Amino acid sequence: MNREFFGVFGGIEAFERFRSDDEFDEVLTGPSITVGIRDADLGTQGWSAQYASDDGYCVIWGEIYAPDDSANAARWLLERYETDGRDALSALNGSYVAVLDDGTSDGGFVATDPVRSRECFYTDEPGVRVFGTDAAEVSRTITEPTVNRNGILEFLHMGVTLGEKTAVTELHRLPLDSRLTPASVESLDRFVYQPREFDYAGELADRLERALQRRSVLPGRKGVLLSAGYDSRIILSQVTDIDHSYTVGAPNAQEVQGAKQLADQYGASHTAFPPDERYLRPDESKIRYSHGIKESLHIHHAGYTDEIDVDTMYHGLLSDTFFRGHFTAQDTVDVLDKRIPTGRLDPDPDPVEVLLEKFGYSREASLELADRTSFDVDPEAFVREALADEIDSRRSHAETIQNTLTCVGIANQPSVPFHNHLSDQFITSFLATDRELIEWHLQTPPAHRTTDTFLRACEQLDDEILRYRPPDRPYDSTLLNEIEGFVRRKTPLLPAFQPPWPDRETLFEQYGFDQQLLSDMAYVHQLPARHKLRLTDLRGWLECGLGPKKQPLPWLTPPESSVG
C-alpha cells in the first residue's frame, strides 16, 4: 500500500522485530508505543498529521480536522488531551486512526473515528501487542496463524465478516467507537443514539454546508466519483473547484448519461470508464484493500486509477446510510406478489430478516456454496445466528430496533473497501464521517432520516439540485418510483430502468474469469459470480496476509457428484 500506519506497544527494538524503519516516512517512539507512518501527504492541511513534544507524541493518519481550524490536528489533540482526557477525541473530525503516547499512566492508546471508517487491526500473538491499518502486514507478525471458521463463513455467505472478527483467529479489529491500550480495548461512547426534536432538514442543510466548506481546503486538482443519484451531486454543487468527475459505465447507460448531465450542470468535465475486464478483476490492487473481511467488488474504480488525473477525490459513500435510512426497515405493500416499499417505517420489523436482505444474502446460492465446502453447517441457520449475535452486541448504542439495525449496518458496512482504496491513491474526503453530520444522524429519529429530509436539505443549499432527477426515480414519492419500476419490469413494451452498475454475471463470462481465476476449482464454476469473486478475494488475501505461513483451503471441497 502507498499509505500505512504500523506500530507496537513497546520500544524501537520491538518495532524492528517486525518492520524496518526504512519502510516509513516517520517513525516515532514514545514512553509506551512505537509507530511508523508512510504517507507522502503527511502534513497537508486536512490530512495526516504528527507532532512530538518533550512528553510524547501524537500521530493522526487519514482525513482530519481539528476544532478552531488548528493548523496541526496532532498537536491540538496532544495538548488538549492533557486537560480534557478522552473527551478531546469527541471533538476531532474526520476519517482517521490516531495514536497518542504522552507518558501518562494509561500507557498511550490507538483510536479510530467514531464509526470506524478507518480500520485498525491488532494481535497479541507475537508476545507484544502489534497494530496497524493494513491487515496483511499485521497478520504476518503472527507466528502460527489459524483460519477463523466463523469469519470465513460470514464472508462467503454475506460478503462481510461481522463485528471484530477477521479471516485469521489471532487477528482482531478495533471495535466501533473504541480505543486500544496496552492491555485492553475500551469503549469511547461517542456513537450512541439520542433522538430529539429539532428542524431536521434545516439543521442538516447547515451542517452539510459547513462539512463541505471544511473539506474544500483539500489541495490540488479535485475530482468526484459521480453517480446519477442523490449523494454525490451535493458535493459537486457545493465544492465549486472540482475539475473532473468520473463514472463507471457504458457511454449510453442511463447512469452515465445522468452523471454527465450533472457534470455539465455544475461545469465539471466528465469521464465514463467502460465496464471491461478491469471493472471486476480481483487482483492484489483490489484484494489488499478488502482486508479479507469485505468484498473487493465494491472497489468499482480500481482498474481505472491510472486514468484518474486528480490529487483530491470526493465521494458520497454512506450518505444513504447516515442521511437517508438505508438500513432502516421499511413498511411495504404487496403489488402482484411483489413487496413495494411505501416510504414509511415498518412498525414491527424482524431485524435478522431485514439485515439478510440489506446484506444481499441469497439462500439458494449459499446452499450451493455449502455443498462445495467441508464446513458442517446449515448456512441459513448459521447466518441468522451470526446476525442475531451482532444485533445483540449493538444494543448498547441504540434503544430502538430501527436504530440498532442502522448501527449494525454502519459497524459492518460492506462497501468501505471503496474508501480504503481511494484514500490510498488520493487525498480523499469522506463527507458522511463529518462529526457534525454524525451527531445529526444520532439525534434524528429514524422516521426523519429519509430521502425526503435529505433532499429538502439539499434544496436549501441549491434550488437546482433536482434539475436532473436520477433516471430510476422520476417522482418525489418512493412508492410511485417503486411502482413504476415494477410496471416497467413487467410490461414488454416499456423499457425497464437500468441498474446503476454493470452486470457482473455478463462480465464474468465475457472475460473468462472462471478460467483466469478458478481454473483449479471447476466445481465452483456454477456458483453466482459474486460468490466466486468472494472465493477469489479470500484466497488472494490469505496468500497476501500469511505469506510462507499460508494454509491450504481444506474447507473447499468438490461435491461428491463431481468426484471421479
Protein backbone atom coordinates (compact mmCIF):
# COMPACT_ATOMS: atom_id res chain seq x y z
CA MET A 1 0.00 0.00 0.00
CA ASN A 2 1.08 3.60 -0.61
CA ARG A 3 -0.05 4.77 2.85
CA GLU A 4 0.27 2.74 6.04
CA PHE A 5 0.23 3.05 9.82
CA PHE A 6 2.01 0.31 11.82
CA GLY A 7 3.09 0.14 15.45
CA VAL A 8 3.78 -1.83 18.60
CA PHE A 9 3.17 -1.28 22.28
CA GLY A 10 6.87 -1.24 23.07
CA GLY A 11 10.16 0.38 22.12
CA ILE A 12 12.09 0.58 18.86
CA GLU A 13 13.60 -2.86 19.42
CA ALA A 14 10.12 -4.42 19.50
CA PHE A 15 9.15 -2.47 16.39
CA GLU A 16 12.22 -3.64 14.47
CA ARG A 17 11.37 -7.28 15.19
CA PHE A 18 8.66 -6.88 12.55
CA ARG A 19 9.45 -3.89 10.32
CA SER A 20 12.34 -1.73 9.21
CA ASP A 21 12.12 1.99 9.81
CA ASP A 22 13.23 2.44 6.17
CA GLU A 23 9.70 1.40 5.15
CA PHE A 24 8.19 4.56 6.67
CA ASP A 25 8.41 8.30 6.25
CA GLU A 26 8.39 8.80 10.01
CA VAL A 27 8.95 6.51 12.99
CA LEU A 28 8.12 7.92 16.42
CA THR A 29 8.96 6.34 19.77
CA GLY A 30 7.29 7.39 22.98
CA PRO A 31 7.18 6.08 26.53
CA SER A 32 4.86 3.18 25.57
CA ILE A 33 4.33 2.98 21.80
CA THR A 34 6.50 3.00 18.68
CA VAL A 35 4.72 3.76 15.42
CA GLY A 36 5.69 4.18 11.79
CA ILE A 37 3.71 6.14 9.22
CA ARG A 38 4.09 6.13 5.45
CA ASP A 39 2.15 8.91 3.74
CA ALA A 40 3.51 11.22 1.04
CA ASP A 41 0.91 13.83 2.05
CA LEU A 42 1.80 13.87 5.75
CA GLY A 43 1.35 17.45 7.00
CA THR A 44 -1.10 18.53 4.28
CA GLN A 45 -3.99 20.63 5.57
CA GLY A 46 -6.97 18.37 6.30
CA TRP A 47 -4.81 15.25 6.11
CA SER A 48 -2.37 13.13 8.15
CA ALA A 49 -0.50 14.99 10.87
CA GLN A 50 2.15 14.40 13.54
CA TYR A 51 3.52 16.32 16.49
CA ALA A 52 6.12 15.49 19.14
CA SER A 53 6.96 17.24 22.40
CA ASP A 54 9.25 16.51 25.34
CA ASP A 55 6.50 14.41 26.93
CA GLY A 56 5.44 12.30 23.96
CA TYR A 57 3.84 12.46 20.55
CA CYS A 58 0.61 12.19 18.57
CA VAL A 59 0.14 10.92 15.02
CA ILE A 60 -3.15 11.00 13.12
CA TRP A 61 -3.48 9.10 9.84
CA GLY A 62 -6.21 9.96 7.33
CA GLU A 63 -8.60 12.88 6.84
CA ILE A 64 -8.61 15.05 9.96
CA TYR A 65 -9.89 18.49 11.04
CA ALA A 66 -9.29 19.96 14.50
CA PRO A 67 -11.63 22.46 16.17
CA ASP A 68 -10.98 26.16 15.55
CA ASP A 69 -9.15 25.30 12.31
CA SER A 70 -5.96 24.44 14.20
CA ALA A 71 -3.15 24.04 11.70
CA ASN A 72 -1.85 20.78 13.20
CA ALA A 73 -4.55 18.41 14.42
CA ALA A 74 -1.98 16.10 16.06
CA ARG A 75 -0.59 18.97 18.14
CA TRP A 76 -4.12 20.04 19.06
CA LEU A 77 -5.01 16.54 20.28
CA LEU A 78 -1.80 16.03 22.24
CA GLU A 79 -2.21 19.35 24.06
CA ARG A 80 -5.97 19.10 24.57
CA TYR A 81 -5.78 15.51 25.84
CA GLU A 82 -3.67 16.71 28.76
CA THR A 83 -6.59 18.80 30.04
CA ASP A 84 -9.70 17.06 28.65
CA GLY A 85 -8.66 13.41 28.56
CA ARG A 86 -10.67 11.15 26.28
CA ASP A 87 -13.28 13.92 25.78
CA ALA A 88 -10.77 15.51 23.41
CA LEU A 89 -11.36 12.66 20.97
CA SER A 90 -15.03 13.63 20.72
CA ALA A 91 -14.06 16.98 19.20
CA LEU A 92 -11.90 15.56 16.39
CA ASN A 93 -13.49 15.49 12.95
CA GLY A 94 -12.81 13.22 10.02
CA SER A 95 -11.96 9.69 8.93
CA TYR A 96 -8.83 8.65 10.81
CA VAL A 97 -6.74 6.45 13.09
CA ALA A 98 -4.88 8.27 15.88
CA VAL A 99 -2.04 7.25 18.21
CA LEU A 100 -1.25 9.29 21.30
CA ASP A 101 1.58 8.44 23.71
CA ASP A 102 2.22 11.15 26.32
CA GLY A 103 3.72 9.14 29.16
CA THR A 104 0.60 9.20 31.31
CA SER A 105 -0.45 6.27 33.46
CA ASP A 106 -2.79 4.80 30.84
CA GLY A 107 0.19 3.90 28.67
CA GLY A 108 -0.91 5.56 25.44
CA PHE A 109 -3.61 4.43 23.04
CA VAL A 110 -4.77 3.93 19.47
CA ALA A 111 -8.26 5.16 18.45
CA THR A 112 -10.36 5.28 15.30
CA ASP A 113 -13.01 7.82 14.36
CA PRO A 114 -16.45 7.15 15.94
CA VAL A 115 -17.73 4.99 13.06
CA ARG A 116 -14.53 3.02 12.35
CA SER A 117 -14.37 4.31 8.78
CA ARG A 118 -10.65 3.51 9.01
CA GLU A 119 -9.98 0.01 10.28
CA CYS A 120 -7.24 -0.71 12.83
CA PHE A 121 -6.14 -4.34 13.22
CA TYR A 122 -4.21 -5.78 16.14
CA THR A 123 -2.79 -9.01 17.53
CA ASP A 124 -1.11 -10.11 20.76
CA GLU A 125 0.13 -13.42 19.37
CA PRO A 126 3.82 -12.40 18.85
CA GLY A 127 4.11 -11.68 22.60
CA VAL A 128 3.76 -7.94 22.12
CA ARG A 129 0.65 -6.00 21.05
CA VAL A 130 1.04 -5.14 17.35
CA PHE A 131 -1.38 -2.91 15.42
CA GLY A 132 -1.77 -1.36 12.00
CA THR A 133 -4.04 -0.25 9.20
CA ASP A 134 -3.00 -2.99 6.77
CA ALA A 135 -4.46 -6.30 7.95
CA ALA A 136 -1.99 -8.27 5.83
CA GLU A 137 1.04 -6.65 7.46
CA VAL A 138 -0.28 -7.19 10.97
CA SER A 139 -1.21 -10.81 10.22
CA ARG A 140 2.34 -11.51 9.03
CA THR A 141 3.59 -10.95 12.57
CA ILE A 142 1.55 -13.93 13.79
CA THR A 143 3.81 -16.94 14.28
CA GLU A 144 1.19 -19.68 13.92
CA PRO A 145 -1.94 -18.23 12.31
CA THR A 146 -5.12 -20.27 12.14
CA VAL A 147 -8.11 -19.76 9.88
CA ASN A 148 -11.15 -18.28 11.62
CA ARG A 149 -14.03 -20.60 10.68
CA ASN A 150 -16.86 -18.22 11.58
CA GLY A 151 -15.19 -15.22 9.99
CA ILE A 152 -14.73 -17.08 6.73
CA LEU A 153 -18.28 -18.45 6.70
CA GLU A 154 -19.76 -14.99 7.31
CA PHE A 155 -17.68 -13.55 4.49
CA LEU A 156 -18.53 -16.27 2.00
CA HIS A 157 -22.27 -16.23 2.70
CA MET A 158 -22.86 -12.49 3.31
CA GLY A 159 -19.87 -10.70 1.84
CA VAL A 160 -18.87 -9.23 5.20
CA THR A 161 -17.21 -10.55 8.36
CA LEU A 162 -19.17 -9.25 11.35
CA GLY A 163 -18.03 -7.47 14.47
CA GLU A 164 -14.34 -7.63 15.37
CA LYS A 165 -13.51 -10.94 13.65
CA THR A 166 -11.22 -11.39 10.64
CA ALA A 167 -10.25 -14.35 8.47
CA VAL A 168 -7.50 -15.20 10.98
CA THR A 169 -8.32 -16.24 14.55
CA GLU A 170 -5.41 -14.34 16.12
CA LEU A 171 -6.10 -11.10 14.19
CA HIS A 172 -8.74 -8.71 15.53
CA ARG A 173 -10.32 -5.40 14.56
CA LEU A 174 -10.61 -2.46 16.89
CA PRO A 175 -14.36 -2.25 17.66
CA LEU A 176 -16.68 0.54 16.61
CA ASP A 177 -16.01 3.71 18.64
CA SER A 178 -13.21 2.42 20.84
CA ARG A 179 -9.56 2.73 21.69
CA LEU A 180 -6.75 0.21 22.06
CA THR A 181 -4.50 0.43 25.12
CA PRO A 182 -1.52 -1.75 26.15
CA ALA A 183 -3.74 -4.37 27.80
CA SER A 184 -7.37 -3.64 26.91
CA VAL A 185 -9.94 -2.32 24.46
CA GLU A 186 -12.13 0.49 25.83
CA SER A 187 -15.39 1.98 24.59
CA LEU A 188 -15.40 5.74 23.99
CA ASP A 189 -19.21 6.25 23.92
CA ARG A 190 -19.09 8.77 21.04
CA PHE A 191 -21.57 6.82 18.91
CA VAL A 192 -24.79 6.48 20.91
CA TYR A 193 -28.26 7.24 19.51
CA GLN A 194 -30.06 10.02 21.40
CA PRO A 195 -33.05 11.13 19.28
CA ARG A 196 -34.56 14.57 19.88
CA GLU A 197 -36.87 17.05 18.16
CA PHE A 198 -35.42 19.86 16.01
CA ASP A 199 -35.54 21.23 12.46
CA TYR A 200 -34.15 18.12 10.78
CA ALA A 201 -33.88 19.40 7.20
CA GLY A 202 -32.72 22.89 8.14
CA GLU A 203 -30.08 21.63 10.54
CA LEU A 204 -28.88 19.04 8.03
CA ALA A 205 -28.53 21.76 5.38
CA ASP A 206 -26.42 23.93 7.70
CA ARG A 207 -24.21 21.02 8.71
CA LEU A 208 -23.75 19.82 5.13
CA GLU A 209 -22.71 23.32 4.13
CA ARG A 210 -20.12 23.54 6.92
CA ALA A 211 -18.87 20.00 6.30
CA LEU A 212 -18.31 20.65 2.61
CA GLN A 213 -16.72 24.03 3.28
CA ARG A 214 -14.35 22.29 5.71
CA ARG A 215 -13.39 19.80 3.02
CA SER A 216 -12.96 22.42 0.31
CA VAL A 217 -9.48 23.20 1.71
CA LEU A 218 -8.10 19.89 0.45
CA PRO A 219 -5.36 20.63 -2.08
CA GLY A 220 -4.59 20.28 -5.76
CA ARG A 221 -6.64 19.21 -8.70
CA LYS A 222 -10.02 17.89 -7.48
CA GLY A 223 -12.33 15.14 -8.71
CA VAL A 224 -15.50 13.38 -7.67
CA LEU A 225 -16.78 9.85 -8.28
CA LEU A 226 -20.17 10.79 -9.65
CA SER A 227 -23.36 8.79 -9.96
CA ALA A 228 -26.71 9.91 -11.31
CA GLY A 229 -28.19 9.50 -7.81
CA TYR A 230 -28.54 11.95 -4.96
CA ASP A 231 -25.47 11.59 -2.76
CA SER A 232 -22.56 12.77 -4.89
CA ARG A 233 -24.39 15.63 -6.61
CA ILE A 234 -24.49 17.76 -3.43
CA ILE A 235 -20.67 17.58 -3.35
CA LEU A 236 -20.48 18.72 -6.96
CA SER A 237 -22.92 21.51 -6.15
CA GLN A 238 -21.09 22.87 -3.10
CA VAL A 239 -17.37 22.29 -3.81
CA THR A 240 -17.03 24.77 -6.64
CA ASP A 241 -13.47 23.98 -7.78
CA ILE A 242 -13.99 20.31 -8.68
CA ASP A 243 -12.30 19.87 -12.04
CA HIS A 244 -13.36 16.42 -13.13
CA SER A 245 -16.00 13.77 -12.48
CA TYR A 246 -15.77 10.04 -13.12
CA THR A 247 -18.40 7.33 -13.59
CA VAL A 248 -18.02 3.61 -14.32
CA GLY A 249 -20.43 2.55 -17.05
CA ALA A 250 -21.09 2.29 -20.77
CA PRO A 251 -21.43 5.68 -22.54
CA ASN A 252 -25.08 5.06 -23.41
CA ALA A 253 -26.08 3.75 -19.95
CA GLN A 254 -28.74 5.73 -18.09
CA GLU A 255 -26.44 6.13 -15.08
CA VAL A 256 -23.65 7.59 -17.20
CA GLN A 257 -25.96 9.91 -19.13
CA GLY A 258 -27.44 11.18 -15.88
CA ALA A 259 -23.99 11.74 -14.35
CA LYS A 260 -22.85 13.63 -17.44
CA GLN A 261 -25.88 15.92 -17.19
CA LEU A 262 -24.94 16.72 -13.60
CA ALA A 263 -21.32 17.37 -14.53
CA ASP A 264 -22.43 19.74 -17.31
CA GLN A 265 -24.83 21.48 -14.91
CA TYR A 266 -22.01 22.30 -12.50
CA GLY A 267 -19.25 22.96 -15.03
CA ALA A 268 -17.08 19.90 -14.44
CA SER A 269 -15.63 17.70 -17.16
CA HIS A 270 -16.77 14.07 -17.15
CA THR A 271 -15.19 10.72 -17.99
CA ALA A 272 -17.03 7.42 -18.26
CA PHE A 273 -14.94 4.28 -17.79
CA PRO A 274 -16.29 1.36 -19.86
CA PRO A 275 -17.13 -1.75 -17.81
CA ASP A 276 -14.48 -4.10 -19.17
CA GLU A 277 -12.19 -6.66 -17.58
CA ARG A 278 -10.74 -4.02 -15.23
CA TYR A 279 -14.08 -3.50 -13.53
CA LEU A 280 -14.24 -6.98 -12.00
CA ARG A 281 -10.68 -8.28 -11.90
CA PRO A 282 -9.85 -9.07 -8.22
CA ASP A 283 -6.05 -8.79 -8.26
CA GLU A 284 -3.87 -7.51 -5.42
CA SER A 285 -4.61 -3.90 -6.43
CA LYS A 286 -8.12 -4.58 -5.09
CA ILE A 287 -7.91 -7.54 -2.74
CA ARG A 288 -5.42 -5.92 -0.35
CA TYR A 289 -7.97 -3.21 0.46
CA SER A 290 -10.67 -5.71 1.37
CA HIS A 291 -8.55 -6.78 4.39
CA GLY A 292 -10.03 -10.27 3.97
CA ILE A 293 -13.27 -9.16 5.66
CA LYS A 294 -15.25 -7.43 2.87
CA GLU A 295 -15.78 -7.78 -0.86
CA SER A 296 -13.36 -6.15 -3.29
CA LEU A 297 -16.31 -6.00 -5.71
CA HIS A 298 -17.21 -2.60 -4.23
CA ILE A 299 -13.93 -1.04 -5.44
CA HIS A 300 -15.53 -0.24 -8.80
CA HIS A 301 -12.91 2.27 -9.91
CA ALA A 302 -9.70 0.39 -9.02
CA GLY A 303 -8.85 -0.80 -12.52
CA TYR A 304 -9.07 2.74 -13.86
CA THR A 305 -6.87 4.54 -11.32
CA ASP A 306 -4.09 5.26 -13.80
CA GLU A 307 -6.55 7.27 -15.89
CA ILE A 308 -7.75 9.44 -13.00
CA ASP A 309 -5.77 12.69 -13.04
CA VAL A 310 -6.58 14.41 -9.74
CA ASP A 311 -4.90 14.96 -6.37
CA THR A 312 -8.00 15.06 -4.15
CA MET A 313 -11.04 12.82 -4.64
CA TYR A 314 -14.55 13.30 -3.22
CA HIS A 315 -17.30 10.69 -2.97
CA GLY A 316 -20.74 10.25 -1.42
CA LEU A 317 -20.21 6.82 0.16
CA LEU A 318 -22.54 6.03 3.10
CA SER A 319 -24.60 9.19 2.64
CA ASP A 320 -27.61 6.93 2.02
CA THR A 321 -26.90 5.18 5.35
CA PHE A 322 -26.31 8.25 7.51
CA PHE A 323 -28.81 10.67 5.95
CA ARG A 324 -31.41 8.56 4.12
CA GLY A 325 -32.04 5.47 6.25
CA HIS A 326 -30.65 2.73 4.02
CA PHE A 327 -30.60 0.20 6.88
CA THR A 328 -33.93 1.13 8.46
CA ALA A 329 -36.76 -1.36 7.92
CA GLN A 330 -39.40 -0.04 5.51
CA ASP A 331 -43.08 -0.87 5.52
CA THR A 332 -44.26 -2.49 2.27
CA VAL A 333 -47.41 -3.23 0.31
CA ASP A 334 -47.98 -6.24 -1.92
CA VAL A 335 -48.42 -5.48 -5.61
CA LEU A 336 -48.81 -8.59 -7.80
CA ASP A 337 -46.80 -10.69 -5.32
CA LYS A 338 -44.07 -8.06 -5.18
CA ARG A 339 -43.26 -6.16 -1.99
CA ILE A 340 -43.13 -2.44 -2.73
CA PRO A 341 -41.72 -0.03 -0.08
CA THR A 342 -44.17 2.68 0.94
CA GLY A 343 -41.60 5.12 2.31
CA ARG A 344 -42.83 4.56 5.88
CA LEU A 345 -41.07 2.67 8.66
CA ASP A 346 -42.04 -0.90 9.45
CA PRO A 347 -43.67 -0.72 12.90
CA ASP A 348 -42.57 -4.26 13.85
CA PRO A 349 -39.55 -5.39 11.81
CA ASP A 350 -37.77 -8.71 12.09
CA PRO A 351 -34.19 -7.41 12.39
CA VAL A 352 -32.49 -10.57 11.12
CA GLU A 353 -34.74 -10.68 8.02
CA VAL A 354 -34.06 -7.01 7.33
CA LEU A 355 -30.28 -7.44 7.53
CA LEU A 356 -30.29 -10.59 5.40
CA GLU A 357 -31.93 -8.54 2.66
CA LYS A 358 -29.69 -5.49 3.17
CA PHE A 359 -26.53 -7.60 3.01
CA GLY A 360 -27.81 -9.32 -0.16
CA TYR A 361 -27.99 -12.82 1.28
CA SER A 362 -29.09 -15.47 -1.22
CA ARG A 363 -30.38 -18.70 0.30
CA GLU A 364 -30.09 -20.63 -2.97
CA ALA A 365 -26.52 -19.50 -3.64
CA SER A 366 -25.48 -20.25 -0.06
CA LEU A 367 -26.84 -23.78 -0.28
CA GLU A 368 -24.83 -24.32 -3.46
CA LEU A 369 -21.76 -22.90 -1.77
CA ALA A 370 -22.28 -25.08 1.31
CA ASP A 371 -22.24 -28.16 -0.95
CA ARG A 372 -18.73 -27.17 -2.01
CA THR A 373 -17.23 -26.67 1.46
CA SER A 374 -16.44 -29.12 4.24
CA PHE A 375 -17.95 -26.95 6.98
CA ASP A 376 -20.71 -28.99 8.58
CA VAL A 377 -23.22 -26.16 9.00
CA ASP A 378 -26.65 -25.20 7.75
CA PRO A 379 -25.79 -21.87 6.06
CA GLU A 380 -29.10 -20.17 6.77
CA ALA A 381 -29.13 -21.17 10.43
CA PHE A 382 -25.51 -20.02 10.69
CA VAL A 383 -26.02 -16.55 9.19
CA ARG A 384 -29.20 -16.00 11.19
CA GLU A 385 -27.43 -16.81 14.44
CA ALA A 386 -24.43 -14.65 13.48
CA LEU A 387 -26.66 -11.67 12.70
CA ALA A 388 -28.70 -12.15 15.89
CA ASP A 389 -25.47 -12.08 17.92
CA GLU A 390 -24.30 -8.95 16.13
CA ILE A 391 -27.64 -7.22 16.72
CA ASP A 392 -27.41 -8.02 20.43
CA SER A 393 -23.87 -6.61 20.57
CA ARG A 394 -25.05 -3.21 19.25
CA ARG A 395 -27.93 -2.66 21.66
CA SER A 396 -25.75 -0.55 23.97
CA HIS A 397 -25.56 2.03 21.18
CA ALA A 398 -29.32 2.23 20.49
CA GLU A 399 -32.58 1.69 22.36
CA THR A 400 -34.82 1.01 19.34
CA ILE A 401 -34.75 -1.76 16.74
CA GLN A 402 -34.58 0.71 13.84
CA ASN A 403 -31.51 2.47 15.24
CA THR A 404 -29.92 -0.86 16.15
CA LEU A 405 -30.35 -2.01 12.54
CA THR A 406 -28.58 1.09 11.29
CA CYS A 407 -25.82 0.71 13.87
CA VAL A 408 -25.20 -2.86 12.69
CA GLY A 409 -25.09 -1.60 9.11
CA ILE A 410 -22.58 1.13 9.95
CA ALA A 411 -20.39 -1.19 12.02
CA ASN A 412 -20.28 -3.77 9.20
CA GLN A 413 -20.63 -1.66 6.07
CA PRO A 414 -19.65 -3.92 3.12
CA SER A 415 -18.67 -1.07 0.80
CA VAL A 416 -15.89 0.52 2.91
CA PRO A 417 -13.11 -1.04 0.72
CA PHE A 418 -14.23 1.56 -1.84
CA HIS A 419 -12.92 4.27 0.51
CA ASN A 420 -9.87 2.22 1.58
CA HIS A 421 -8.63 2.05 -1.99
CA LEU A 422 -9.39 5.67 -2.88
CA SER A 423 -7.63 7.04 0.19
CA ASP A 424 -4.51 5.04 -0.63
CA GLN A 425 -4.34 6.61 -4.10
CA PHE A 426 -5.55 10.16 -3.45
CA ILE A 427 -6.24 12.59 -0.65
CA THR A 428 -9.85 11.56 -0.11
CA SER A 429 -12.77 13.32 1.52
CA PHE A 430 -15.36 11.23 3.36
CA LEU A 431 -18.33 13.57 3.82
CA ALA A 432 -20.52 11.17 5.81
CA THR A 433 -17.95 10.91 8.63
CA ASP A 434 -18.07 14.62 9.45
CA ARG A 435 -18.50 14.93 13.24
CA GLU A 436 -21.45 17.34 12.94
CA LEU A 437 -23.21 15.07 10.45
CA ILE A 438 -22.68 12.00 12.65
CA GLU A 439 -24.22 14.00 15.51
CA TRP A 440 -27.19 14.83 13.27
CA HIS A 441 -27.55 11.15 12.44
CA LEU A 442 -27.53 10.12 16.11
CA GLN A 443 -30.06 12.78 17.13
CA THR A 444 -32.52 12.45 14.24
CA PRO A 445 -35.28 9.83 14.73
CA PRO A 446 -35.33 7.10 12.07
CA ALA A 447 -38.67 8.36 10.71
CA HIS A 448 -36.90 11.58 9.66
CA ARG A 449 -33.65 10.08 8.32
CA THR A 450 -35.20 9.82 4.88
CA THR A 451 -34.58 10.76 1.28
CA ASP A 452 -37.28 13.42 1.62
CA THR A 453 -35.46 15.11 4.54
CA PHE A 454 -32.13 14.87 2.72
CA LEU A 455 -33.50 16.39 -0.50
CA ARG A 456 -35.23 19.23 1.37
CA ALA A 457 -31.86 19.99 2.99
CA CYS A 458 -30.06 19.86 -0.35
CA GLU A 459 -32.63 22.17 -1.97
CA GLN A 460 -31.98 24.72 0.77
CA LEU A 461 -28.35 24.75 -0.39
CA ASP A 462 -29.14 24.64 -4.13
CA ASP A 463 -32.65 25.02 -5.53
CA GLU A 464 -31.45 23.50 -8.82
CA ILE A 465 -30.17 20.28 -7.23
CA LEU A 466 -33.03 18.25 -8.79
CA ARG A 467 -32.95 19.79 -12.25
CA TYR A 468 -31.99 16.31 -13.45
CA ARG A 469 -33.56 13.51 -11.46
CA PRO A 470 -31.97 10.07 -11.10
CA PRO A 471 -33.18 8.01 -14.06
CA ASP A 472 -34.87 5.40 -11.85
CA ARG A 473 -36.51 7.96 -9.51
CA PRO A 474 -38.67 10.29 -11.61
CA TYR A 475 -41.04 11.19 -8.73
CA ASP A 476 -40.82 12.64 -5.23
CA SER A 477 -42.78 9.67 -3.89
CA THR A 478 -40.83 6.49 -3.01
CA LEU A 479 -43.96 4.44 -3.57
CA LEU A 480 -44.58 5.86 -7.05
CA ASN A 481 -40.95 5.27 -8.05
CA GLU A 482 -41.13 1.66 -6.88
CA ILE A 483 -44.44 1.05 -8.65
CA GLU A 484 -43.19 2.49 -11.95
CA GLY A 485 -40.04 0.39 -11.72
CA PHE A 486 -42.14 -2.70 -11.12
CA VAL A 487 -44.53 -1.92 -14.01
CA ARG A 488 -41.62 -1.32 -16.39
CA ARG A 489 -40.09 -4.68 -15.49
CA LYS A 490 -43.38 -6.48 -16.11
CA THR A 491 -44.55 -4.67 -19.28
CA PRO A 492 -42.96 -5.88 -22.53
CA LEU A 493 -43.42 -2.59 -24.41
CA LEU A 494 -41.86 -0.41 -21.70
CA PRO A 495 -38.07 -0.24 -21.20
CA ALA A 496 -37.04 -1.13 -17.64
CA PHE A 497 -34.95 1.20 -15.51
CA GLN A 498 -31.32 0.18 -15.92
CA PRO A 499 -29.38 -0.82 -12.79
CA PRO A 500 -26.68 1.67 -11.77
CA TRP A 501 -23.83 -0.85 -12.02
CA PRO A 502 -22.70 -3.11 -14.90
CA ASP A 503 -23.92 -6.71 -14.89
CA ARG A 504 -21.22 -8.80 -13.20
CA GLU A 505 -22.54 -12.17 -14.45
CA THR A 506 -22.18 -10.99 -18.07
CA LEU A 507 -18.70 -9.59 -17.48
CA PHE A 508 -17.55 -12.68 -15.57
CA GLU A 509 -18.49 -14.85 -18.51
CA GLN A 510 -17.35 -12.41 -21.21
CA TYR A 511 -13.80 -12.24 -19.87
CA GLY A 512 -13.47 -15.92 -18.94
CA PHE A 513 -12.86 -15.36 -15.24
CA ASP A 514 -13.72 -18.98 -14.44
CA GLN A 515 -10.54 -19.99 -16.24
CA GLN A 516 -8.49 -16.94 -15.26
CA LEU A 517 -9.28 -17.06 -11.55
CA LEU A 518 -10.63 -20.51 -10.73
CA SER A 519 -9.18 -22.91 -13.27
CA ASP A 520 -8.17 -25.29 -10.46
CA MET A 521 -11.67 -25.31 -8.94
CA ALA A 522 -14.04 -26.25 -11.74
CA TYR A 523 -16.54 -27.47 -9.16
CA VAL A 524 -17.34 -23.86 -8.15
CA HIS A 525 -17.94 -22.59 -11.69
CA GLN A 526 -21.73 -22.99 -11.33
CA LEU A 527 -21.86 -20.59 -8.40
CA PRO A 528 -23.03 -16.98 -8.96
CA ALA A 529 -20.27 -14.58 -9.97
CA ARG A 530 -20.48 -12.74 -6.67
CA HIS A 531 -19.72 -15.86 -4.65
CA LYS A 532 -16.88 -16.84 -6.97
CA LEU A 533 -15.40 -13.37 -6.51
CA ARG A 534 -15.61 -13.85 -2.73
CA LEU A 535 -13.68 -17.12 -3.01
CA THR A 536 -11.03 -15.37 -5.10
CA ASP A 537 -10.85 -12.48 -2.63
CA LEU A 538 -10.41 -14.79 0.33
CA ARG A 539 -7.80 -16.98 -1.28
CA GLY A 540 -5.87 -13.96 -2.54
CA TRP A 541 -5.93 -12.18 0.80
CA LEU A 542 -4.77 -15.25 2.75
CA GLU A 543 -1.87 -15.66 0.34
CA CYS A 544 -1.01 -11.98 0.77
CA GLY A 545 -1.50 -11.84 4.53
CA LEU A 546 0.04 -15.13 5.58
CA GLY A 547 2.81 -15.43 3.00
CA PRO A 548 5.00 -18.52 3.56
CA LYS A 549 2.83 -19.45 6.54
CA LYS A 550 -0.30 -19.61 4.40
CA GLN A 551 -2.58 -22.55 5.00
CA PRO A 552 -4.28 -24.58 2.29
CA LEU A 553 -8.03 -24.22 2.00
CA PRO A 554 -9.16 -27.71 3.03
CA TRP A 555 -12.69 -26.45 3.57
CA LEU A 556 -13.08 -26.04 -0.19
CA THR A 557 -14.02 -29.47 -1.48
CA PRO A 558 -15.73 -30.68 -4.64
CA PRO A 559 -19.22 -32.08 -4.12
CA GLU A 560 -19.39 -35.87 -4.25
CA SER A 561 -21.22 -35.78 -7.58
CA SER A 562 -18.19 -34.16 -9.25
CA VAL A 563 -15.55 -36.51 -7.85
CA GLY A 564 -14.22 -39.27 -10.07
